Amino acid sequence: MALEMPDGQTILQTMMITEDDRMLSDTTDVIVAIENSSSSRALVLVKVIATSAAAAVVVVVVLLEVIVVVEVVVVAVTVIVVIVGVVVEVVGVVVEVVVVVVVVVVVVVVVVIVVVIIVAVHLPKHYYMYLCINEELNTTSEYDGELIAMKGKQ
């Protein structure tokens, strides 16, 4: 197939497409055969550069999409970590409060038990001593009173 350019030169276009090429690519490039024309060569060069640029743009777009997906995953993981951290913090505070309450209750119970034991063991002893001392005081005072009365009579 031959095309005539505005400057009067002829460009031959040939399609060299194999079955493998069709399977590899949906868009097949036309290989242009050039008949001694520098402007046509520049046109082919522009087409090659444009094709390379389009391929580069596709690669960049794919890389940007991968970066966006990675960022979404990172944000999702960060949100999950924050939620788990908040739950752990709340559970930790609740556990701390429960531990403090349990410790306070245990301390109060131990103090009450110790006080009851002290009172149960020592109160009867002290009460008995009180009774003995009181009895001695009563006896002594009566005895002293009798002595004093006897001395007064003499």
N, C-alpha and C. Protein backbone atom coordinates (compact mmCIF):
# COMPACT_ATOMS: atom_id res chain seq x y z
N MET A 1 0.86 -1.16 0.00
CA MET A 1 0.00 0.00 0.00
C MET A 1 0.91 1.22 0.00
N ALA A 2 0.63 2.18 -0.83
CA ALA A 2 1.47 3.37 -0.97
C ALA A 2 0.64 4.60 -0.68
N LEU A 3 1.24 5.53 0.07
CA LEU A 3 0.59 6.80 0.39
C LEU A 3 1.45 7.93 -0.17
N GLU A 4 0.78 8.97 -0.68
CA GLU A 4 1.53 10.09 -1.19
C GLU A 4 1.46 11.22 -0.19
N MET A 5 2.61 11.78 0.13
CA MET A 5 2.71 12.86 1.09
C MET A 5 2.47 14.19 0.38
N PRO A 6 2.17 15.26 1.18
CA PRO A 6 1.93 16.57 0.55
C PRO A 6 3.15 17.09 -0.22
N ASP A 7 4.35 16.70 0.18
CA ASP A 7 5.54 17.20 -0.51
C ASP A 7 5.85 16.36 -1.75
N GLY A 8 5.01 15.40 -2.06
CA GLY A 8 5.17 14.64 -3.28
C GLY A 8 5.92 13.33 -3.11
N GLN A 9 6.37 13.02 -1.96
CA GLN A 9 7.11 11.78 -1.77
C GLN A 9 6.14 10.66 -1.44
N THR A 10 6.56 9.48 -1.68
CA THR A 10 5.71 8.31 -1.50
C THR A 10 6.19 7.52 -0.28
N ILE A 11 5.24 7.13 0.56
CA ILE A 11 5.55 6.30 1.72
C ILE A 11 4.87 4.95 1.50
N LEU A 12 5.64 3.91 1.68
CA LEU A 12 5.07 2.57 1.57
C LEU A 12 4.75 2.06 2.98
N GLN A 13 3.54 1.59 3.16
CA GLN A 13 3.17 0.99 4.43
C GLN A 13 3.01 -0.51 4.21
N THR A 14 3.66 -1.26 5.06
CA THR A 14 3.50 -2.71 4.99
C THR A 14 3.14 -3.22 6.37
N MET A 15 2.31 -4.18 6.41
CA MET A 15 1.92 -4.77 7.68
C MET A 15 2.65 -6.09 7.80
N MET A 16 3.53 -6.16 8.80
CA MET A 16 4.26 -7.39 9.06
C MET A 16 3.78 -7.91 10.40
N ILE A 17 2.67 -8.56 10.42
CA ILE A 17 2.06 -9.03 11.66
C ILE A 17 2.01 -10.55 11.60
N THR A 18 2.57 -11.16 12.60
CA THR A 18 2.49 -12.62 12.69
C THR A 18 1.36 -12.98 13.64
N GLU A 19 1.05 -14.22 13.67
CA GLU A 19 0.00 -14.69 14.57
C GLU A 19 0.41 -14.48 16.03
N ASP A 20 1.71 -14.66 16.34
CA ASP A 20 2.20 -14.44 17.70
C ASP A 20 2.02 -12.99 18.12
N ASP A 21 2.30 -12.06 17.21
CA ASP A 21 2.15 -10.64 17.53
C ASP A 21 0.70 -10.31 17.88
N ARG A 22 -0.22 -10.89 17.16
CA ARG A 22 -1.63 -10.62 17.44
C ARG A 22 -2.02 -11.17 18.80
N MET A 23 -1.43 -12.27 19.16
CA MET A 23 -1.75 -12.84 20.47
C MET A 23 -1.12 -12.02 21.58
N LEU A 24 0.03 -11.43 21.32
CA LEU A 24 0.72 -10.66 22.35
C LEU A 24 0.12 -9.29 22.56
N SER A 25 -0.42 -8.70 21.52
CA SER A 25 -0.84 -7.31 21.67
C SER A 25 -2.15 -7.09 20.93
N ASP A 26 -3.03 -6.30 21.56
CA ASP A 26 -4.28 -5.96 20.88
C ASP A 26 -4.05 -4.88 19.82
N THR A 27 -3.12 -4.02 20.10
CA THR A 27 -2.82 -2.94 19.14
C THR A 27 -1.51 -3.28 18.47
N THR A 28 -1.57 -3.55 17.21
CA THR A 28 -0.36 -3.89 16.46
C THR A 28 0.14 -2.66 15.74
N ASP A 29 1.45 -2.51 15.77
CA ASP A 29 2.05 -1.35 15.12
C ASP A 29 2.25 -1.62 13.62
N VAL A 30 2.10 -0.58 12.88
CA VAL A 30 2.34 -0.66 11.43
C VAL A 30 3.79 -0.28 11.20
N ILE A 31 4.48 -1.14 10.53
CA ILE A 31 5.89 -0.84 10.21
C ILE A 31 5.90 -0.07 8.91
N VAL A 32 6.51 1.06 8.95
CA VAL A 32 6.49 1.96 7.79
C VAL A 32 7.82 1.86 7.07
N ALA A 33 7.72 1.59 5.81
CA ALA A 33 8.93 1.59 4.98
C ALA A 33 9.01 2.96 4.32
N ILE A 34 10.14 3.54 4.34
CA ILE A 34 10.30 4.92 3.90
C ILE A 34 11.17 4.95 2.63
N GLU A 35 10.75 5.78 1.64
CA GLU A 35 11.51 5.95 0.40
C GLU A 35 12.22 7.28 0.43
N ASN A 36 13.42 7.34 0.93
CA ASN A 36 14.29 8.51 0.89
C ASN A 36 13.61 9.80 1.34
N SER A 37 12.93 9.81 2.44
CA SER A 37 12.26 11.03 2.90
C SER A 37 12.62 11.25 4.36
N SER A 38 13.27 12.38 4.66
CA SER A 38 13.64 12.70 6.03
C SER A 38 12.43 13.12 6.84
N SER A 39 11.45 13.80 6.23
CA SER A 39 10.26 14.20 6.97
C SER A 39 9.45 12.98 7.39
N SER A 40 9.43 11.97 6.55
CA SER A 40 8.72 10.75 6.90
C SER A 40 9.45 10.02 8.00
N ARG A 41 10.77 10.08 7.97
CA ARG A 41 11.54 9.47 9.06
C ARG A 41 11.23 10.15 10.39
N ALA A 42 11.11 11.47 10.34
CA ALA A 42 10.77 12.20 11.56
C ALA A 42 9.39 11.79 12.06
N LEU A 43 8.47 11.56 11.13
CA LEU A 43 7.13 11.12 11.50
C LEU A 43 7.17 9.76 12.19
N VAL A 44 7.98 8.85 11.67
CA VAL A 44 8.13 7.53 12.28
C VAL A 44 8.77 7.66 13.65
N LEU A 45 9.78 8.53 13.77
CA LEU A 45 10.44 8.75 15.05
C LEU A 45 9.45 9.30 16.08
N VAL A 46 8.60 10.24 15.65
CA VAL A 46 7.58 10.78 16.55
C VAL A 46 6.63 9.68 16.99
N LYS A 47 6.27 8.79 16.06
CA LYS A 47 5.37 7.69 16.41
C LYS A 47 6.02 6.75 17.42
N VAL A 48 7.29 6.44 17.26
CA VAL A 48 8.01 5.57 18.19
C VAL A 48 8.10 6.23 19.56
N ILE A 49 8.41 7.52 19.57
CA ILE A 49 8.51 8.25 20.85
C ILE A 49 7.15 8.29 21.54
N ALA A 50 6.08 8.53 20.74
CA ALA A 50 4.73 8.59 21.31
C ALA A 50 4.33 7.23 21.88
N THR A 51 4.68 6.17 21.18
CA THR A 51 4.36 4.83 21.68
C THR A 51 5.11 4.54 22.96
N SER A 52 6.39 4.91 23.01
CA SER A 52 7.19 4.70 24.23
C SER A 52 6.65 5.54 25.38
N ALA A 53 6.26 6.77 25.09
CA ALA A 53 5.71 7.64 26.13
C ALA A 53 4.39 7.07 26.66
N ALA A 54 3.57 6.55 25.77
CA ALA A 54 2.30 5.96 26.20
C ALA A 54 2.55 4.75 27.09
N ALA A 55 3.53 3.94 26.73
CA ALA A 55 3.87 2.78 27.56
C ALA A 55 4.39 3.24 28.92
N ALA A 56 5.20 4.29 28.94
CA ALA A 56 5.72 4.82 30.20
C ALA A 56 4.58 5.36 31.06
N VAL A 57 3.62 6.04 30.43
CA VAL A 57 2.48 6.58 31.17
C VAL A 57 1.67 5.44 31.78
N VAL A 58 1.49 4.36 31.02
CA VAL A 58 0.75 3.21 31.54
C VAL A 58 1.47 2.62 32.74
N VAL A 59 2.81 2.50 32.65
CA VAL A 59 3.58 1.97 33.77
C VAL A 59 3.45 2.87 34.99
N VAL A 60 3.55 4.18 34.78
CA VAL A 60 3.42 5.13 35.90
C VAL A 60 2.04 5.05 36.51
N VAL A 61 1.01 4.96 35.69
CA VAL A 61 -0.36 4.87 36.21
C VAL A 61 -0.54 3.60 37.03
N VAL A 62 -0.01 2.49 36.54
CA VAL A 62 -0.10 1.24 37.29
C VAL A 62 0.64 1.36 38.61
N LEU A 63 1.83 1.94 38.59
CA LEU A 63 2.58 2.13 39.84
C LEU A 63 1.83 3.03 40.82
N LEU A 64 1.21 4.09 40.30
CA LEU A 64 0.43 4.96 41.18
C LEU A 64 -0.77 4.23 41.78
N GLU A 65 -1.40 3.38 40.98
CA GLU A 65 -2.51 2.60 41.52
C GLU A 65 -2.03 1.64 42.60
N VAL A 66 -0.87 1.04 42.39
CA VAL A 66 -0.31 0.15 43.42
C VAL A 66 0.00 0.94 44.68
N ILE A 67 0.56 2.14 44.53
CA ILE A 67 0.86 2.99 45.68
C ILE A 67 -0.42 3.36 46.43
N VAL A 68 -1.48 3.68 45.69
CA VAL A 68 -2.75 4.03 46.33
C VAL A 68 -3.30 2.83 47.10
N VAL A 69 -3.22 1.65 46.50
CA VAL A 69 -3.71 0.45 47.19
C VAL A 69 -2.89 0.20 48.46
N VAL A 70 -1.57 0.36 48.38
CA VAL A 70 -0.72 0.17 49.55
C VAL A 70 -1.06 1.20 50.62
N GLU A 71 -1.30 2.45 50.22
CA GLU A 71 -1.66 3.48 51.19
C GLU A 71 -3.00 3.15 51.86
N VAL A 72 -3.96 2.65 51.10
CA VAL A 72 -5.26 2.29 51.68
C VAL A 72 -5.07 1.15 52.68
N VAL A 73 -4.24 0.19 52.34
CA VAL A 73 -3.99 -0.92 53.26
C VAL A 73 -3.31 -0.41 54.53
N VAL A 74 -2.33 0.48 54.37
CA VAL A 74 -1.62 1.04 55.53
C VAL A 74 -2.59 1.81 56.42
N VAL A 75 -3.45 2.61 55.81
CA VAL A 75 -4.43 3.37 56.60
C VAL A 75 -5.39 2.42 57.31
N ALA A 76 -5.84 1.37 56.63
CA ALA A 76 -6.74 0.42 57.26
C ALA A 76 -6.07 -0.28 58.43
N VAL A 77 -4.82 -0.68 58.25
CA VAL A 77 -4.09 -1.33 59.34
C VAL A 77 -3.88 -0.36 60.50
N THR A 78 -3.58 0.90 60.18
CA THR A 78 -3.41 1.91 61.22
C THR A 78 -4.70 2.11 62.01
N VAL A 79 -5.82 2.17 61.31
CA VAL A 79 -7.11 2.33 61.99
C VAL A 79 -7.39 1.13 62.89
N ILE A 80 -7.10 -0.07 62.39
CA ILE A 80 -7.32 -1.27 63.20
C ILE A 80 -6.43 -1.24 64.44
N VAL A 81 -5.16 -0.85 64.25
CA VAL A 81 -4.23 -0.79 65.39
C VAL A 81 -4.70 0.24 66.42
N VAL A 82 -5.19 1.38 65.94
CA VAL A 82 -5.68 2.41 66.86
C VAL A 82 -6.90 1.91 67.62
N ILE A 83 -7.82 1.25 66.92
CA ILE A 83 -9.02 0.72 67.59
C ILE A 83 -8.62 -0.32 68.63
N VAL A 84 -7.72 -1.21 68.26
CA VAL A 84 -7.26 -2.23 69.20
C VAL A 84 -6.56 -1.56 70.39
N GLY A 85 -5.76 -0.53 70.13
CA GLY A 85 -5.09 0.20 71.21
C GLY A 85 -6.07 0.85 72.15
N VAL A 86 -7.13 1.44 71.61
CA VAL A 86 -8.14 2.08 72.45
C VAL A 86 -8.85 1.02 73.29
N VAL A 87 -9.19 -0.11 72.67
CA VAL A 87 -9.86 -1.18 73.41
C VAL A 87 -8.96 -1.70 74.52
N VAL A 88 -7.68 -1.91 74.18
CA VAL A 88 -6.73 -2.39 75.20
C VAL A 88 -6.58 -1.36 76.31
N GLU A 89 -6.54 -0.09 75.96
CA GLU A 89 -6.41 0.96 76.98
C GLU A 89 -7.63 0.98 77.89
N VAL A 90 -8.82 0.88 77.30
CA VAL A 90 -10.05 0.87 78.11
C VAL A 90 -10.08 -0.36 79.00
N VAL A 91 -9.75 -1.51 78.42
CA VAL A 91 -9.72 -2.74 79.22
C VAL A 91 -8.66 -2.62 80.31
N GLY A 92 -7.51 -2.02 79.97
CA GLY A 92 -6.46 -1.84 80.97
C GLY A 92 -6.91 -0.96 82.12
N VAL A 93 -7.62 0.13 81.81
CA VAL A 93 -8.12 1.01 82.86
C VAL A 93 -9.13 0.27 83.72
N VAL A 94 -10.03 -0.47 83.09
CA VAL A 94 -11.02 -1.23 83.85
C VAL A 94 -10.32 -2.26 84.74
N VAL A 95 -9.33 -2.94 84.19
CA VAL A 95 -8.59 -3.93 84.98
C VAL A 95 -7.86 -3.25 86.13
N GLU A 96 -7.26 -2.09 85.89
CA GLU A 96 -6.58 -1.37 86.97
C GLU A 96 -7.57 -0.98 88.06
N VAL A 97 -8.73 -0.51 87.69
CA VAL A 97 -9.73 -0.12 88.68
C VAL A 97 -10.17 -1.35 89.48
N VAL A 98 -10.42 -2.45 88.78
CA VAL A 98 -10.83 -3.67 89.47
C VAL A 98 -9.74 -4.15 90.42
N VAL A 99 -8.48 -4.09 89.98
CA VAL A 99 -7.36 -4.51 90.85
C VAL A 99 -7.28 -3.61 92.07
N VAL A 100 -7.42 -2.31 91.90
CA VAL A 100 -7.37 -1.39 93.04
C VAL A 100 -8.51 -1.69 94.00
N VAL A 101 -9.70 -1.90 93.49
CA VAL A 101 -10.85 -2.20 94.36
C VAL A 101 -10.62 -3.51 95.10
N VAL A 102 -10.13 -4.52 94.40
CA VAL A 102 -9.87 -5.81 95.05
C VAL A 102 -8.81 -5.66 96.13
N VAL A 103 -7.75 -4.92 95.84
CA VAL A 103 -6.69 -4.72 96.84
C VAL A 103 -7.24 -3.98 98.05
N VAL A 104 -8.03 -2.95 97.84
CA VAL A 104 -8.61 -2.22 98.96
C VAL A 104 -9.51 -3.12 99.78
N VAL A 105 -10.35 -3.91 99.13
CA VAL A 105 -11.25 -4.81 99.86
C VAL A 105 -10.45 -5.83 100.64
N VAL A 106 -9.41 -6.40 100.04
CA VAL A 106 -8.58 -7.39 100.74
C VAL A 106 -7.90 -6.76 101.95
N VAL A 107 -7.37 -5.55 101.80
CA VAL A 107 -6.71 -4.88 102.91
C VAL A 107 -7.71 -4.61 104.04
N VAL A 108 -8.89 -4.15 103.70
CA VAL A 108 -9.90 -3.87 104.72
C VAL A 108 -10.30 -5.16 105.43
N VAL A 109 -10.49 -6.23 104.68
CA VAL A 109 -10.87 -7.51 105.29
C VAL A 109 -9.76 -8.01 106.20
N VAL A 110 -8.51 -7.91 105.76
CA VAL A 110 -7.39 -8.36 106.60
C VAL A 110 -7.30 -7.52 107.87
N VAL A 111 -7.46 -6.22 107.75
CA VAL A 111 -7.42 -5.36 108.94
C VAL A 111 -8.55 -5.72 109.89
N VAL A 112 -9.74 -5.94 109.38
CA VAL A 112 -10.87 -6.30 110.24
C VAL A 112 -10.61 -7.64 110.93
N ILE A 113 -10.08 -8.61 110.19
CA ILE A 113 -9.77 -9.92 110.78
C ILE A 113 -8.71 -9.79 111.87
N VAL A 114 -7.67 -9.01 111.62
CA VAL A 114 -6.61 -8.82 112.62
C VAL A 114 -7.17 -8.14 113.85
N VAL A 115 -7.99 -7.12 113.67
CA VAL A 115 -8.59 -6.43 114.81
C VAL A 115 -9.49 -7.39 115.60
N VAL A 116 -10.28 -8.19 114.93
CA VAL A 116 -11.15 -9.15 115.62
C VAL A 116 -10.32 -10.16 116.38
N ILE A 117 -9.24 -10.65 115.78
CA ILE A 117 -8.37 -11.61 116.47
C ILE A 117 -7.73 -10.97 117.69
N ILE A 118 -7.24 -9.77 117.53
CA ILE A 118 -6.61 -9.08 118.67
C ILE A 118 -7.63 -8.88 119.78
N VAL A 119 -8.79 -8.43 119.42
CA VAL A 119 -9.82 -8.20 120.44
C VAL A 119 -10.24 -9.51 121.08
N ALA A 120 -10.41 -10.56 120.28
CA ALA A 120 -10.86 -11.84 120.83
C ALA A 120 -9.81 -12.48 121.72
N VAL A 121 -8.54 -12.29 121.40
CA VAL A 121 -7.49 -12.91 122.21
C VAL A 121 -7.16 -12.06 123.43
N HIS A 122 -7.04 -10.77 123.25
CA HIS A 122 -6.53 -9.93 124.33
C HIS A 122 -7.62 -9.35 125.23
N LEU A 123 -8.81 -9.18 124.73
CA LEU A 123 -9.84 -8.57 125.56
C LEU A 123 -10.18 -9.42 126.78
N PRO A 124 -10.38 -10.71 126.64
CA PRO A 124 -10.66 -11.48 127.86
C PRO A 124 -9.50 -11.43 128.86
N LYS A 125 -8.27 -11.46 128.35
CA LYS A 125 -7.12 -11.40 129.23
C LYS A 125 -7.10 -10.05 129.97
N HIS A 126 -7.32 -8.98 129.21
CA HIS A 126 -7.31 -7.67 129.84
C HIS A 126 -8.52 -7.50 130.77
N TYR A 127 -9.63 -8.05 130.35
CA TYR A 127 -10.81 -7.96 131.21
C TYR A 127 -10.58 -8.74 132.52
N TYR A 128 -9.98 -9.90 132.40
CA TYR A 128 -9.67 -10.69 133.60
C TYR A 128 -8.69 -9.93 134.49
N MET A 129 -7.67 -9.32 133.84
CA MET A 129 -6.72 -8.54 134.62
C MET A 129 -7.43 -7.36 135.27
N TYR A 130 -8.33 -6.76 134.55
CA TYR A 130 -9.09 -5.65 135.12
C TYR A 130 -9.88 -6.10 136.34
N LEU A 131 -10.52 -7.24 136.19
CA LEU A 131 -11.28 -7.76 137.34
C LEU A 131 -10.37 -8.04 138.52
N CYS A 132 -9.21 -8.64 138.26
CA CYS A 132 -8.28 -8.95 139.35
C CYS A 132 -7.77 -7.66 139.99
N ILE A 133 -7.40 -6.71 139.17
CA ILE A 133 -6.88 -5.45 139.70
C ILE A 133 -7.98 -4.73 140.48
N ASN A 134 -9.16 -4.74 139.96
CA ASN A 134 -10.26 -4.09 140.63
C ASN A 134 -10.54 -4.77 141.97
N GLU A 135 -10.47 -6.07 141.97
CA GLU A 135 -10.70 -6.80 143.21
C GLU A 135 -9.59 -6.48 144.21
N GLU A 136 -8.36 -6.42 143.71
CA GLU A 136 -7.25 -6.06 144.60
C GLU A 136 -7.41 -4.64 145.10
N LEU A 137 -7.81 -3.76 144.20
CA LEU A 137 -8.01 -2.37 144.61
C LEU A 137 -9.09 -2.29 145.68
N ASN A 138 -10.16 -3.01 145.43
CA ASN A 138 -11.23 -3.00 146.42
C ASN A 138 -10.74 -3.57 147.76
N THR A 139 -10.03 -4.68 147.65
CA THR A 139 -9.51 -5.32 148.87
C THR A 139 -8.51 -4.41 149.54
N THR A 140 -7.60 -3.88 148.76
CA THR A 140 -6.57 -3.02 149.32
C THR A 140 -7.21 -1.79 149.94
N SER A 141 -8.15 -1.23 149.25
CA SER A 141 -8.74 -0.01 149.79
C SER A 141 -9.52 -0.31 151.07
N GLU A 142 -10.18 -1.46 151.09
CA GLU A 142 -10.88 -1.80 152.31
C GLU A 142 -9.88 -2.10 153.42
N TYR A 143 -8.84 -2.81 153.05
CA TYR A 143 -7.82 -3.12 154.03
C TYR A 143 -7.14 -1.85 154.54
N ASP A 144 -6.78 -1.00 153.59
CA ASP A 144 -6.18 0.27 153.99
C ASP A 144 -7.14 1.08 154.86
N GLY A 145 -8.38 1.02 154.47
CA GLY A 145 -9.38 1.74 155.27
C GLY A 145 -9.46 1.18 156.69
N GLU A 146 -9.37 -0.13 156.80
CA GLU A 146 -9.41 -0.74 158.12
C GLU A 146 -8.17 -0.36 158.90
N LEU A 147 -7.02 -0.37 158.21
CA LEU A 147 -5.79 0.04 158.87
C LEU A 147 -5.87 1.48 159.33
N ILE A 148 -6.39 2.28 158.42
CA ILE A 148 -6.51 3.70 158.77
C ILE A 148 -7.47 3.85 159.97
N ALA A 149 -8.57 3.09 159.93
CA ALA A 149 -9.54 3.16 161.04
C ALA A 149 -8.91 2.65 162.34
N MET A 150 -8.10 1.58 162.22
CA MET A 150 -7.47 1.04 163.43
C MET A 150 -6.44 2.01 163.97
N LYS A 151 -5.75 2.66 163.12
CA LYS A 151 -4.76 3.63 163.58
C LYS A 151 -5.45 4.84 164.22
N GLY A 152 -6.59 5.15 163.64
CA GLY A 152 -7.33 6.28 164.20
C GLY A 152 -7.86 5.98 165.59
N LYS A 153 -8.18 4.73 165.88
CA LYS A 153 -8.71 4.35 167.18
C LYS A 153 -7.58 4.34 168.20
N GLN A 154 -6.42 4.12 167.78
CA GLN A 154 -5.32 4.03 168.74
C GLN A 154 -4.95 5.41 169.11
